[in-house]
Amino acid sequence: MKENSKKDSMICPCCGKIRPISAMECRECGARQIGDPLAPPDVLLPRLGLSFAALACVSLVVMIFLIVWIFSNDMKVGRVLLFGVLGDGTEFSKSLLKADPKLPVYRIFAFDAYRLAFPMSAVLIPLSVLGGRLGRRAMRKAKVDPAQFGGFSLARISVVLSACLIVIFGTATIASVPDALERGRAKHIAATSAVMYAMHYEALQKYYREYGSYPAELTDVSRVNVESAPPNDYWENSFSYSPVGGVIASRGSTPSFSGYKLVSAGADGKFGTADDITMIDGIIVDSKPDNEASSLPSAPEKPRP
């Protein structure tokens, strides 16, 4: 019944309503038929949209990476490629060589690519996954209904390329995580050291020039500068301050301190550990944890004569 209705009826191109093929006029809108309906095509071409979409994702990943790789880092890779293509006989090549005489010996392309893979993986890995998913979907549809959906080989190539890109960028990301953590730790230490140097020059040294001694407490720096309240380190922990070299000129007088020790507890927030940042009299020094210092073997005693 359904097959007969499809053969005996058609959609009116004017109003979109169903009308009998045999009728010369649409009862809904009055449109008149001026010819026989078009016959269906003898050959139906399969759809290739999913396969081309998968290949487009893979191509987009490669193009984005190549563009950034060539034009980043002061366009060093691009200039080297231009110099290699044009040679050293043109005026443009000579200007490039004059600006950077080391262009002919620049060969660290792999390092530049590795350095870029980690920050760009946040965008390129999802695009690669999307290309792989589209390719797998196109392969399934082509297997189930090859007459309606084609591009099986194209979809398979896209899936393989997507998997390779995921492996490449994933490996580069995993390998770059320790370096990224170490760079972040170095930035945190540098930020804390900058705060400590600022405290030394803007508060502690000013107090010393004013009173001839370093303060007994870190909060005493407010005497010379109301706004120089003791700040915290990068991890929002308070500094440990202790004056050294105290001398009492006379009975009842205030002790005078010729030096000080300023310590940040570091990332773990605990004093006396390996990540402490120590400043002594305005100089950052290498600090060892107290338990490590106490565990060091003492020098052997000299035999008495």
Foldseek 3Di string as FASTA:
>chain_A
DVVVLVVQWDADPPPRDIDGQPDQADPPPGDGHDDHDDDDDPADAADEVLLVLLVVLLVVLVVVLVVCLCPPPVNLNVLLVVCVVVPCPDPVNVVSCVVPVCSVVDDVSVVSSLVPLQVCCVPSLVSLVVSLVSLVVLLVVCVVCVRHGDDNVSSVVSNVSSVVSNVVSVVSNVVCVVVVVVVVQVVQLVQQLVLVLCCLPVFQVQVCVVPVAGDQDSQVSCVRPVPPGQAAGSQRAGKDKHFDDWDDPDPPDDTGGPKMKIKHCGDVRDPQDQRIFIDINSRTDRDHGPVVVVPDDDDDDDDDD
